[in-house]
Amino acid sequence: MSDLSDSITNKHTVSLKRWRTQSSRVLFEHPRLTVAEDTVELPNGKTTQYIHYPYHGYGGVIVVCRRGNSILVQQEYSYPVDEVLYQFPGGKIEAGEDVCAAAQRELAEESGIAMTGVRACGWLYADNRRTSAKLHVVYGEYAGTNHQHRPDDTEQIISEWLPIATIHRMVATGVITNYAMLAAWALLASTLQQAGDSRADE
C-alpha cells in the first residue's frame, strides 16, 4: 500500500470505533452456510440486531492464468441471478494449503491446465457486510495441461482464452458483471504495474 493510501486510511479510521458484541445466536445452519444474529452495541450506546454469516473456512482463490496476450476466462450459469456470467477459475482453499497451491489445484481441477510463475496479487472480502471470508487473487502463466480435470456436478463451465484488450473492453462496456472478476482484474493490473510489467495494459 502506498504512503498516500496509508494516510487516507488512517485519516478516516482513527475516529471510528468498533461495535461491541453482547450476544449471538445461530438462526440457521447448513454445511454450506451458517446464519447468525448478534446483538451489538453501537458507538453511540444504542443496541441493534445484526445478521451475518460466521465463517470458519480458509478463504477462496481467484485464478488469473495468462497465455501470451490472452487470459483464461470461464462462462458459468449462476442460479441466484439466473444468468450465465463471465468469471475467472477459482474455488476454496483447503486446510494447510497456501493460496498459490490452491490456485494451481483449482485451475487443474476446473480447466485441466497447469501454470508457472505463480504469484499472489492481493485479496478482498467476499462480502464484508455479512462475512469475514476472503478471496485471494493469484496470477500465473500457462504451462501446459494438467489432467486433474474434475468439476463438481453443479459446475457447467465453458472455458476460453480471451485477448486482454477484449477483457478491457468487456469491463468498460458492462459485459462483465461478476464482482469477483472485476475486483481480480483491478488487483492484477495494480500488481503488474507495481512490478514494472508493461503487459498490464496490453
Protein backbone atom coordinates (compact mmCIF):
# COMPACT_ATOMS: atom_id res chain seq x y z
CA MET A 1 0.00 0.00 0.00
CA SER A 2 1.34 3.45 -0.87
CA ASP A 3 2.07 6.23 1.63
CA LEU A 4 -0.87 8.17 0.17
CA SER A 5 -3.33 5.33 0.67
CA ASP A 6 -1.95 4.75 4.18
CA SER A 7 -2.63 8.38 5.10
CA ILE A 8 -6.13 8.21 3.62
CA THR A 9 -6.91 5.01 5.53
CA ASN A 10 -5.60 6.37 8.83
CA LYS A 11 -7.42 9.68 8.39
CA HIS A 12 -10.80 8.01 8.03
CA THR A 13 -10.43 5.19 10.57
CA VAL A 14 -8.81 6.88 13.57
CA SER A 15 -12.13 8.31 14.81
CA LEU A 16 -14.20 5.20 14.04
CA LYS A 17 -14.95 2.83 16.90
CA ARG A 18 -15.66 -0.88 16.82
CA TRP A 19 -19.04 -2.33 17.65
CA ARG A 20 -19.27 -4.49 20.77
CA THR A 21 -20.92 -7.91 20.59
CA GLN A 22 -23.31 -8.51 23.50
CA SER A 23 -24.74 -11.85 22.42
CA SER A 24 -25.00 -14.14 19.40
CA ARG A 25 -27.35 -16.90 18.31
CA VAL A 26 -27.42 -19.19 15.29
CA LEU A 27 -30.60 -18.84 13.21
CA PHE A 28 -29.79 -21.40 10.52
CA GLU A 29 -27.07 -23.97 9.98
CA HIS A 30 -26.23 -25.90 6.83
CA PRO A 31 -22.97 -27.47 5.59
CA ARG A 32 -22.62 -24.58 3.13
CA LEU A 33 -23.94 -21.69 5.21
CA THR A 34 -24.46 -20.59 8.81
CA VAL A 35 -26.65 -17.58 9.57
CA ALA A 36 -26.31 -15.85 12.95
CA GLU A 37 -27.96 -12.89 14.63
CA ASP A 38 -25.87 -10.81 17.02
CA THR A 39 -26.97 -8.16 19.48
CA VAL A 40 -24.36 -5.40 19.19
CA GLU A 41 -23.73 -2.14 20.98
CA LEU A 42 -23.06 0.75 18.61
CA PRO A 43 -20.56 3.54 19.36
CA ASN A 44 -23.47 5.84 20.34
CA GLY A 45 -24.51 3.37 23.07
CA LYS A 46 -27.59 2.06 21.28
CA THR A 47 -28.06 -1.64 20.59
CA THR A 48 -29.26 -3.35 17.42
CA GLN A 49 -29.52 -6.79 15.88
CA TYR A 50 -27.14 -7.70 13.06
CA ILE A 51 -27.39 -10.66 10.69
CA HIS A 52 -24.13 -12.19 9.47
CA TYR A 53 -22.64 -15.44 8.20
CA PRO A 54 -19.95 -16.76 10.57
CA TYR A 55 -17.05 -18.13 8.56
CA HIS A 56 -14.63 -20.83 9.69
CA GLY A 57 -13.02 -21.80 6.38
CA TYR A 58 -9.72 -20.80 4.84
CA GLY A 59 -10.93 -18.42 2.15
CA GLY A 60 -11.22 -18.71 -1.58
CA VAL A 61 -8.94 -18.15 -4.55
CA ILE A 62 -9.46 -16.49 -7.94
CA VAL A 63 -7.05 -17.60 -10.67
CA VAL A 64 -5.84 -15.37 -13.50
CA CYS A 65 -3.92 -17.54 -15.98
CA ARG A 66 -2.17 -15.92 -18.93
CA ARG A 67 -1.07 -17.40 -22.26
CA GLY A 68 0.68 -14.82 -24.41
CA ASN A 69 -1.70 -11.88 -24.78
CA SER A 70 -4.76 -13.85 -23.66
CA ILE A 71 -6.33 -14.73 -20.30
CA LEU A 72 -8.31 -17.85 -19.43
CA VAL A 73 -11.94 -16.87 -18.84
CA GLN A 74 -14.92 -19.03 -17.98
CA GLN A 75 -18.65 -18.78 -18.51
CA GLU A 76 -20.86 -20.47 -15.93
CA TYR A 77 -24.57 -20.46 -15.14
CA SER A 78 -25.37 -18.68 -11.87
CA TYR A 79 -28.60 -19.93 -10.33
CA PRO A 80 -29.40 -16.99 -7.96
CA VAL A 81 -29.34 -14.43 -10.79
CA ASP A 82 -30.47 -16.93 -13.44
CA GLU A 83 -27.79 -15.79 -15.87
CA VAL A 84 -24.63 -17.09 -17.49
CA LEU A 85 -21.78 -14.95 -16.14
CA TYR A 86 -18.14 -14.48 -17.05
CA GLN A 87 -15.65 -15.40 -14.34
CA PHE A 88 -12.08 -16.46 -13.68
CA PRO A 89 -11.40 -20.00 -12.45
CA GLY A 90 -11.30 -20.43 -8.69
CA GLY A 91 -12.58 -22.16 -5.60
CA LYS A 92 -11.97 -22.70 -1.91
CA ILE A 93 -8.64 -23.03 -0.14
CA GLU A 94 -8.18 -26.30 1.71
CA ALA A 95 -6.77 -26.67 5.23
CA GLY A 96 -2.98 -26.34 5.26
CA GLU A 97 -2.87 -25.07 1.67
CA ASP A 98 -1.27 -21.77 0.69
CA VAL A 99 -3.03 -19.53 -1.80
CA CYS A 100 -0.71 -20.28 -4.73
CA ALA A 101 -1.02 -24.04 -4.27
CA ALA A 102 -4.80 -23.68 -4.04
CA ALA A 103 -4.85 -21.68 -7.28
CA GLN A 104 -2.84 -24.32 -9.13
CA ARG A 105 -5.06 -27.13 -7.83
CA GLU A 106 -8.32 -25.34 -8.67
CA LEU A 107 -7.10 -24.45 -12.15
CA ALA A 108 -6.18 -28.08 -12.81
CA GLU A 109 -9.49 -29.38 -11.44
CA GLU A 110 -11.73 -26.92 -13.32
CA SER A 111 -9.85 -26.46 -16.58
CA GLY A 112 -7.19 -29.18 -16.83
CA ILE A 113 -4.45 -26.54 -17.05
CA ALA A 114 -1.11 -26.09 -15.28
CA MET A 115 0.62 -22.75 -14.71
CA THR A 116 4.02 -21.43 -13.68
CA GLY A 117 5.41 -18.13 -12.39
CA VAL A 118 2.64 -18.09 -9.82
CA ARG A 119 2.27 -15.02 -7.59
CA ALA A 120 -0.34 -13.65 -5.20
CA CYS A 121 -1.83 -10.29 -6.23
CA GLY A 122 -3.77 -9.46 -3.06
CA TRP A 123 -7.14 -10.22 -1.55
CA LEU A 124 -10.60 -8.80 -0.92
CA TYR A 125 -13.51 -9.54 1.40
CA ALA A 126 -16.14 -11.63 -0.36
CA ASP A 127 -18.98 -9.72 1.36
CA ASN A 128 -17.71 -7.53 4.20
CA ARG A 129 -21.21 -6.69 5.45
CA ARG A 130 -22.08 -10.33 6.07
CA THR A 131 -18.92 -12.44 6.38
CA SER A 132 -15.20 -12.33 7.11
CA ALA A 133 -14.39 -14.71 4.22
CA LYS A 134 -11.54 -13.55 1.97
CA LEU A 135 -10.93 -14.08 -1.73
CA HIS A 136 -7.27 -14.21 -2.81
CA VAL A 137 -6.25 -13.32 -6.36
CA VAL A 138 -3.40 -15.35 -7.89
CA TYR A 139 -1.68 -14.80 -11.25
CA GLY A 140 0.34 -17.26 -13.30
CA GLU A 141 1.49 -18.17 -16.80
CA TYR A 142 0.14 -21.09 -18.83
CA ALA A 143 2.39 -24.16 -18.56
CA GLY A 144 0.51 -26.85 -20.47
CA THR A 145 -2.16 -29.32 -19.47
CA ASN A 146 -2.77 -30.98 -16.12
CA HIS A 147 -5.11 -33.96 -16.20
CA GLN A 148 -6.80 -33.43 -12.84
CA HIS A 149 -9.93 -32.06 -14.51
CA ARG A 150 -12.87 -32.96 -12.27
CA PRO A 151 -15.52 -30.23 -11.95
CA ASP A 152 -18.37 -30.58 -9.46
CA ASP A 153 -21.79 -31.74 -10.65
CA THR A 154 -23.12 -28.19 -10.33
CA GLU A 155 -20.27 -26.70 -12.38
CA GLN A 156 -21.24 -26.42 -16.04
CA ILE A 157 -18.33 -24.40 -17.32
CA ILE A 158 -17.18 -23.18 -20.73
CA SER A 159 -13.52 -22.06 -20.79
CA GLU A 160 -11.90 -19.87 -23.43
CA TRP A 161 -8.80 -17.74 -23.96
CA LEU A 162 -9.74 -14.09 -24.48
CA PRO A 163 -7.35 -11.32 -25.59
CA ILE A 164 -6.51 -8.86 -22.82
CA ALA A 165 -7.81 -5.98 -24.96
CA THR A 166 -11.14 -7.80 -25.27
CA ILE A 167 -11.44 -8.19 -21.50
CA HIS A 168 -10.69 -4.47 -21.00
CA ARG A 169 -13.47 -3.68 -23.47
CA MET A 170 -15.91 -6.09 -21.79
CA VAL A 171 -15.24 -4.46 -18.42
CA ALA A 172 -15.67 -0.95 -19.84
CA THR A 173 -18.95 -1.78 -21.58
CA GLY A 174 -20.55 -3.65 -18.68
CA VAL A 175 -20.45 -7.11 -20.22
CA ILE A 176 -18.61 -8.44 -17.17
CA THR A 177 -20.81 -8.07 -14.08
CA ASN A 178 -19.24 -10.63 -11.73
CA TYR A 179 -17.83 -8.57 -8.82
CA ALA A 180 -15.09 -11.11 -8.08
CA MET A 181 -13.82 -10.98 -11.66
CA LEU A 182 -13.90 -7.19 -11.71
CA ALA A 183 -12.02 -6.95 -8.41
CA ALA A 184 -9.48 -9.56 -9.50
CA TRP A 185 -8.86 -7.67 -12.75
CA ALA A 186 -8.16 -4.45 -10.82
CA LEU A 187 -5.80 -6.20 -8.37
CA LEU A 188 -3.97 -7.91 -11.22
CA ALA A 189 -3.41 -4.63 -13.07
CA SER A 190 -2.10 -2.98 -9.90
CA THR A 191 0.27 -5.87 -9.15
CA LEU A 192 1.76 -5.94 -12.65
CA GLN A 193 2.15 -2.16 -12.76
CA GLN A 194 3.95 -2.11 -9.39
CA ALA A 195 6.26 -4.84 -10.67
CA GLY A 196 7.01 -2.74 -13.75
CA ASP A 197 5.34 -5.23 -16.06
CA SER A 198 4.14 -3.27 -19.09
CA ARG A 199 1.87 -6.15 -20.15
CA ALA A 200 -0.75 -4.96 -17.65
CA ASP A 201 -2.04 -2.51 -20.25
CA GLU A 202 -1.87 -4.73 -23.34
